[in-house]
PDB file of N, CA and C in Angstrom:
ATOM      1  N   MET A   1      93.047 103.043  62.808  1.00  0.00           N
ATOM      2  CA  MET A   1      94.457 103.282  62.566  1.00  0.00           C
ATOM      3  C   MET A   1      95.256 102.161  63.233  1.00  0.00           C
ATOM      4  N   ALA A   2      95.862 101.347  62.447  1.00  0.00           N
ATOM      5  CA  ALA A   2      96.612 100.197  62.945  1.00  0.00           C
ATOM      6  C   ALA A   2      98.055 100.593  63.248  1.00  0.00           C
ATOM      7  N   ALA A   3      98.635  99.847  64.163  1.00  0.00           N
ATOM      8  CA  ALA A   3     100.033 100.090  64.524  1.00  0.00           C
ATOM      9  C   ALA A   3     100.941  99.556  63.419  1.00  0.00           C
ATOM     10  N   PRO A   4     102.103 100.176  63.241  1.00  0.00           N
ATOM     11  CA  PRO A   4     103.047  99.674  62.235  1.00  0.00           C
ATOM     12  C   PRO A   4     103.517  98.265  62.591  1.00  0.00           C
ATOM     13  N   PRO A   5     103.910  97.495  61.583  1.00  0.00           N
ATOM     14  CA  PRO A   5     104.343  96.108  61.836  1.00  0.00           C
ATOM     15  C   PRO A   5     105.538  96.004  62.794  1.00  0.00           C
ATOM     16  N   GLN A   6     106.444  96.975  62.748  1.00  0.00           N
ATOM     17  CA  GLN A   6     107.604  96.930  63.641  1.00  0.00           C
ATOM     18  C   GLN A   6     107.163  97.070  65.098  1.00  0.00           C
ATOM     19  N   LEU A   7     106.219  97.955  65.346  1.00  0.00           N
ATOM     20  CA  LEU A   7     105.721  98.147  66.703  1.00  0.00           C
ATOM     21  C   LEU A   7     104.987  96.909  67.184  1.00  0.00           C
ATOM     22  N   ARG A   8     104.205  96.314  66.306  1.00  0.00           N
ATOM     23  CA  ARG A   8     103.501  95.083  66.663  1.00  0.00           C
ATOM     24  C   ARG A   8     104.476  93.966  67.009  1.00  0.00           C
ATOM     25  N   ALA A   9     105.531  93.842  66.227  1.00  0.00           N
ATOM     26  CA  ALA A   9     106.536  92.808  66.484  1.00  0.00           C
ATOM     27  C   ALA A   9     107.247  93.069  67.810  1.00  0.00           C
ATOM     28  N   LEU A  10     107.549  94.325  68.082  1.00  0.00           N
ATOM     29  CA  LEU A  10     108.201  94.677  69.344  1.00  0.00           C
ATOM     30  C   LEU A  10     107.299  94.357  70.529  1.00  0.00           C
ATOM     31  N   LEU A  11     106.025  94.720  70.437  1.00  0.00           N
ATOM     32  CA  LEU A  11     105.083  94.423  71.516  1.00  0.00           C
ATOM     33  C   LEU A  11     104.932  92.924  71.734  1.00  0.00           C
ATOM     34  N   GLN A  12     104.895  92.172  70.660  1.00  0.00           N
ATOM     35  CA  GLN A  12     104.783  90.720  70.781  1.00  0.00           C
ATOM     36  C   GLN A  12     106.027  90.139  71.451  1.00  0.00           C
ATOM     37  N   ALA A  13     107.204  90.637  71.095  1.00  0.00           N
ATOM     38  CA  ALA A  13     108.441  90.151  71.708  1.00  0.00           C
ATOM     39  C   ALA A  13     108.481  90.489  73.198  1.00  0.00           C
ATOM     40  N   VAL A  14     108.066  91.692  73.549  1.00  0.00           N
ATOM     41  CA  VAL A  14     108.053  92.091  74.962  1.00  0.00           C
ATOM     42  C   VAL A  14     107.057  91.249  75.742  1.00  0.00           C
ATOM     43  N   ASN A  15     105.871  91.040  75.193  1.00  0.00           N
ATOM     44  CA  ASN A  15     104.865  90.221  75.867  1.00  0.00           C
ATOM     45  C   ASN A  15     105.335  88.787  76.050  1.00  0.00           C
ATOM     46  N   THR A  16     106.014  88.245  75.062  1.00  0.00           N
ATOM     47  CA  THR A  16     106.554  86.891  75.179  1.00  0.00           C
ATOM     48  C   THR A  16     107.592  86.827  76.290  1.00  0.00           C
ATOM     49  N   LEU A  17     108.439  87.829  76.363  1.00  0.00           N
ATOM     50  CA  LEU A  17     109.463  87.883  77.405  1.00  0.00           C
ATOM     51  C   LEU A  17     108.830  87.986  78.789  1.00  0.00           C
ATOM     52  N   LEU A  18     107.784  88.807  78.915  1.00  0.00           N
ATOM     53  CA  LEU A  18     107.146  89.002  80.215  1.00  0.00           C
ATOM     54  C   LEU A  18     106.404  87.764  80.698  1.00  0.00           C
ATOM     55  N   ARG A  19     105.969  86.927  79.806  1.00  0.00           N
ATOM     56  CA  ARG A  19     105.223  85.726  80.194  1.00  0.00           C
ATOM     57  C   ARG A  19     106.120  84.581  80.652  1.00  0.00           C
ATOM     58  N   LYS A  20     107.407  84.673  80.407  1.00  0.00           N
ATOM     59  CA  LYS A  20     108.310  83.580  80.786  1.00  0.00           C
ATOM     60  C   LYS A  20     108.446  83.507  82.298  1.00  0.00           C
ATOM     61  N   ARG A  21     108.290  82.314  82.823  1.00  0.00           N
ATOM     62  CA  ARG A  21     108.355  82.076  84.267  1.00  0.00           C
ATOM     63  C   ARG A  21     109.742  82.393  84.823  1.00  0.00           C
ATOM     64  N   ARG A  22     110.735  82.262  84.003  1.00  0.00           N
ATOM     65  CA  ARG A  22     112.123  82.455  84.425  1.00  0.00           C
ATOM     66  C   ARG A  22     112.371  83.875  84.939  1.00  0.00           C
ATOM     67  N   TYR A  23     111.663  84.851  84.414  1.00  0.00           N
ATOM     68  CA  TYR A  23     111.878  86.251  84.785  1.00  0.00           C
ATOM     69  C   TYR A  23     110.889  86.752  85.831  1.00  0.00           C
ATOM     70  N   HIS A  24     110.082  85.869  86.380  1.00  0.00           N
ATOM     71  CA  HIS A  24     109.033  86.277  87.314  1.00  0.00           C
ATOM     72  C   HIS A  24     109.607  86.995  88.545  1.00  0.00           C
ATOM     73  N   ALA A  25     110.649  86.460  89.148  1.00  0.00           N
ATOM     74  CA  ALA A  25     111.224  87.060  90.361  1.00  0.00           C
ATOM     75  C   ALA A  25     111.816  88.441  90.072  1.00  0.00           C
ATOM     76  N   VAL A  26     112.533  88.555  88.981  1.00  0.00           N
ATOM     77  CA  VAL A  26     113.149  89.839  88.629  1.00  0.00           C
ATOM     78  C   VAL A  26     112.075  90.886  88.355  1.00  0.00           C
ATOM     79  N   LEU A  27     111.038  90.479  87.631  1.00  0.00           N
ATOM     80  CA  LEU A  27     109.957  91.420  87.329  1.00  0.00           C
ATOM     81  C   LEU A  27     109.195  91.814  88.589  1.00  0.00           C
ATOM     82  N   ALA A  28     109.055  90.889  89.532  1.00  0.00           N
ATOM     83  CA  ALA A  28     108.385  91.207  90.795  1.00  0.00           C
ATOM     84  C   ALA A  28     109.204  92.225  91.593  1.00  0.00           C
ATOM     85  N   ILE A  29     110.514  92.080  91.578  1.00  0.00           N
ATOM     86  CA  ILE A  29     111.383  93.042  92.267  1.00  0.00           C
ATOM     87  C   ILE A  29     111.268  94.419  91.618  1.00  0.00           C
ATOM     88  N   LEU A  30     111.295  94.453  90.289  1.00  0.00           N
ATOM     89  CA  LEU A  30     111.157  95.729  89.585  1.00  0.00           C
ATOM     90  C   LEU A  30     109.804  96.381  89.868  1.00  0.00           C
ATOM     91  N   LYS A  31     108.767  95.562  89.918  1.00  0.00           N
ATOM     92  CA  LYS A  31     107.432  96.088  90.210  1.00  0.00           C
ATOM     93  C   LYS A  31     107.377  96.660  91.625  1.00  0.00           C
ATOM     94  N   GLY A  32     107.998  95.972  92.575  1.00  0.00           N
ATOM     95  CA  GLY A  32     108.040  96.467  93.944  1.00  0.00           C
ATOM     96  C   GLY A  32     108.798  97.780  94.060  1.00  0.00           C
ATOM     97  N   LEU A  33     109.914  97.884  93.356  1.00  0.00           N
ATOM     98  CA  LEU A  33     110.679  99.135  93.364  1.00  0.00           C
ATOM     99  C   LEU A  33     109.870 100.280  92.759  1.00  0.00           C
ATOM    100  N   ARG A  34     109.201  99.977  91.657  1.00  0.00           N
ATOM    101  CA  ARG A  34     108.378 101.003  91.018  1.00  0.00           C
ATOM    102  C   ARG A  34     107.243 101.442  91.934  1.00  0.00           C
ATOM    103  N   ASN A  35     106.567 100.476  92.557  1.00  0.00           N
ATOM    104  CA  ASN A  35     105.464 100.815  93.452  1.00  0.00           C
ATOM    105  C   ASN A  35     105.955 101.608  94.659  1.00  0.00           C
ATOM    106  N   GLY A  36     107.125 101.267  95.171  1.00  0.00           N
ATOM    107  CA  GLY A  36     107.693 102.020  96.281  1.00  0.00           C
ATOM    108  C   GLY A  36     108.029 103.448  95.891  1.00  0.00           C
ATOM    109  N   ALA A  37     108.557 103.622  94.694  1.00  0.00           N
ATOM    110  CA  ALA A  37     108.876 104.972  94.225  1.00  0.00           C
ATOM    111  C   ALA A  37     107.608 105.794  94.032  1.00  0.00           C
ATOM    112  N   VAL A  38     106.585 105.178  93.468  1.00  0.00           N
ATOM    113  CA  VAL A  38     105.313 105.884  93.265  1.00  0.00           C
ATOM    114  C   VAL A  38     104.709 106.260  94.611  1.00  0.00           C
ATOM    115  N   TYR A  39     104.734 105.342  95.570  1.00  0.00           N
ATOM    116  CA  TYR A  39     104.215 105.627  96.910  1.00  0.00           C
ATOM    117  C   TYR A  39     104.990 106.781  97.542  1.00  0.00           C
ATOM    118  N   GLY A  40     106.290 106.750  97.400  1.00  0.00           N
ATOM    119  CA  GLY A  40     107.110 107.810  97.973  1.00  0.00           C
ATOM    120  C   GLY A  40     106.798 109.172  97.386  1.00  0.00           C
ATOM    121  N   VAL A  41     106.586 109.211  96.086  1.00  0.00           N
ATOM    122  CA  VAL A  41     106.316 110.485  95.424  1.00  0.00           C
ATOM    123  C   VAL A  41     104.907 110.979  95.732  1.00  0.00           C
ATOM    124  N   LYS A  42     103.942 110.075  95.763  1.00  0.00           N
ATOM    125  CA  LYS A  42     102.548 110.496  95.954  1.00  0.00           C
ATOM    126  C   LYS A  42     102.197 110.755  97.416  1.00  0.00           C
ATOM    127  N   ILE A  43     102.750 110.001  98.337  1.00  0.00           N
ATOM    128  CA  ILE A  43     102.330 110.073  99.737  1.00  0.00           C
ATOM    129  C   ILE A  43     103.412 110.671 100.631  1.00  0.00           C
ATOM    130  N   ARG A  44     104.582 110.080 100.624  1.00  0.00           N
ATOM    131  CA  ARG A  44     105.610 110.461 101.602  1.00  0.00           C
ATOM    132  C   ARG A  44     106.185 111.850 101.356  1.00  0.00           C
ATOM    133  N   ALA A  45     106.471 112.179 100.113  1.00  0.00           N
ATOM    134  CA  ALA A  45     107.077 113.483  99.828  1.00  0.00           C
ATOM    135  C   ALA A  45     106.144 114.644 100.181  1.00  0.00           C
ATOM    136  N   PRO A  46     104.871 114.619  99.768  1.00  0.00           N
ATOM    137  CA  PRO A  46     103.993 115.727 100.180  1.00  0.00           C
ATOM    138  C   PRO A  46     103.826 115.812 101.698  1.00  0.00           C
ATOM    139  N   HIS A  47     103.752 114.667 102.349  1.00  0.00           N
ATOM    140  CA  HIS A  47     103.623 114.667 103.808  1.00  0.00           C
ATOM    141  C   HIS A  47     104.857 115.296 104.449  1.00  0.00           C
ATOM    142  N   ALA A  48     106.023 114.939 103.968  1.00  0.00           N
ATOM    143  CA  ALA A  48     107.255 115.520 104.513  1.00  0.00           C
ATOM    144  C   ALA A  48     107.302 117.026 104.270  1.00  0.00           C
ATOM    145  N   LEU A  49     106.831 117.455 103.117  1.00  0.00           N
ATOM    146  CA  LEU A  49     106.815 118.881 102.812  1.00  0.00           C
ATOM    147  C   LEU A  49     105.880 119.634 103.755  1.00  0.00           C
ATOM    148  N   VAL A  50     104.701 119.099 103.981  1.00  0.00           N
ATOM    149  CA  VAL A  50     103.747 119.729 104.901  1.00  0.00           C
ATOM    150  C   VAL A  50     104.316 119.763 106.311  1.00  0.00           C
ATOM    151  N   MET A  51     104.908 118.665 106.752  1.00  0.00           N
ATOM    152  CA  MET A  51     105.474 118.621 108.098  1.00  0.00           C
ATOM    153  C   MET A  51     106.621 119.615 108.244  1.00  0.00           C
ATOM    154  N   THR A  52     107.376 119.816 107.185  1.00  0.00           N
ATOM    155  CA  THR A  52     108.461 120.792 107.224  1.00  0.00           C
ATOM    156  C   THR A  52     107.912 122.197 107.436  1.00  0.00           C
ATOM    157  N   PHE A  53     106.839 122.528 106.738  1.00  0.00           N
ATOM    158  CA  PHE A  53     106.259 123.859 106.904  1.00  0.00           C
ATOM    159  C   PHE A  53     105.572 124.021 108.253  1.00  0.00           C
ATOM    160  N   LEU A  54     104.967 122.963 108.753  1.00  0.00           N
ATOM    161  CA  LEU A  54     104.286 123.055 110.042  1.00  0.00           C
ATOM    162  C   LEU A  54     105.269 123.190 111.199  1.00  0.00           C
ATOM    163  N   PHE A  55     106.336 122.416 111.144  1.00  0.00           N
ATOM    164  CA  PHE A  55     107.308 122.390 112.239  1.00  0.00           C
ATOM    165  C   PHE A  55     108.656 122.888 111.743  1.00  0.00           C
ATOM    166  N   ARG A  56     108.665 124.076 111.202  1.00  0.00           N
ATOM    167  CA  ARG A  56     109.852 124.618 110.569  1.00  0.00           C
ATOM    168  C   ARG A  56     111.010 124.831 111.539  1.00  0.00           C
ATOM    169  N   SER A  57     110.721 125.200 112.779  1.00  0.00           N
ATOM    170  CA  SER A  57     111.796 125.533 113.712  1.00  0.00           C
ATOM    171  C   SER A  57     112.648 124.319 114.052  1.00  0.00           C
ATOM    172  N   GLY A  58     112.073 123.129 113.989  1.00  0.00           N
ATOM    173  CA  GLY A  58     112.833 121.928 114.289  1.00  0.00           C
ATOM    174  C   GLY A  58     112.881 121.599 115.759  1.00  0.00           C
ATOM    175  N   ARG A  59     112.288 122.453 116.586  1.00  0.00           N
ATOM    176  CA  ARG A  59     112.264 122.204 118.027  1.00  0.00           C
ATOM    177  C   ARG A  59     110.832 122.028 118.474  1.00  0.00           C
ATOM    178  N   SER A  60     110.636 121.123 119.365  1.00  0.00           N
ATOM    179  CA  SER A  60     109.305 120.898 119.911  1.00  0.00           C
ATOM    180  C   SER A  60     109.074 121.850 121.075  1.00  0.00           C
ATOM    181  N   THR A  61     107.886 122.434 121.145  1.00  0.00           N
ATOM    182  CA  THR A  61     107.560 123.325 122.258  1.00  0.00           C
ATOM    183  C   THR A  61     106.953 122.553 123.416  1.00  0.00           C
ATOM    184  N   CYS A  62     106.664 121.284 123.231  1.00  0.00           N
ATOM    185  CA  CYS A  62     106.074 120.443 124.283  1.00  0.00           C
ATOM    186  C   CYS A  62     107.191 119.702 125.009  1.00  0.00           C
ATOM    187  N   THR A  63     107.660 120.231 126.108  1.00  0.00           N
ATOM    188  CA  THR A  63     108.692 119.514 126.880  1.00  0.00           C
ATOM    189  C   THR A  63     108.282 119.371 128.309  1.00  0.00           C
TER     190      THR A  63
END
């Protein structure tokens, strides 16, 4: 099952745009933002949720 010609043309245009050296810095910034968001959702948010349940009172008993 082949992709429609419009989709193929769109993919080719996007790939051509992504290969241009001129956009390398902008794409690197976008990639970093995306990776940071993924890290936050996969690692930081569950950890914060667990810590909230473990230390719900908000006060430390070790003084």
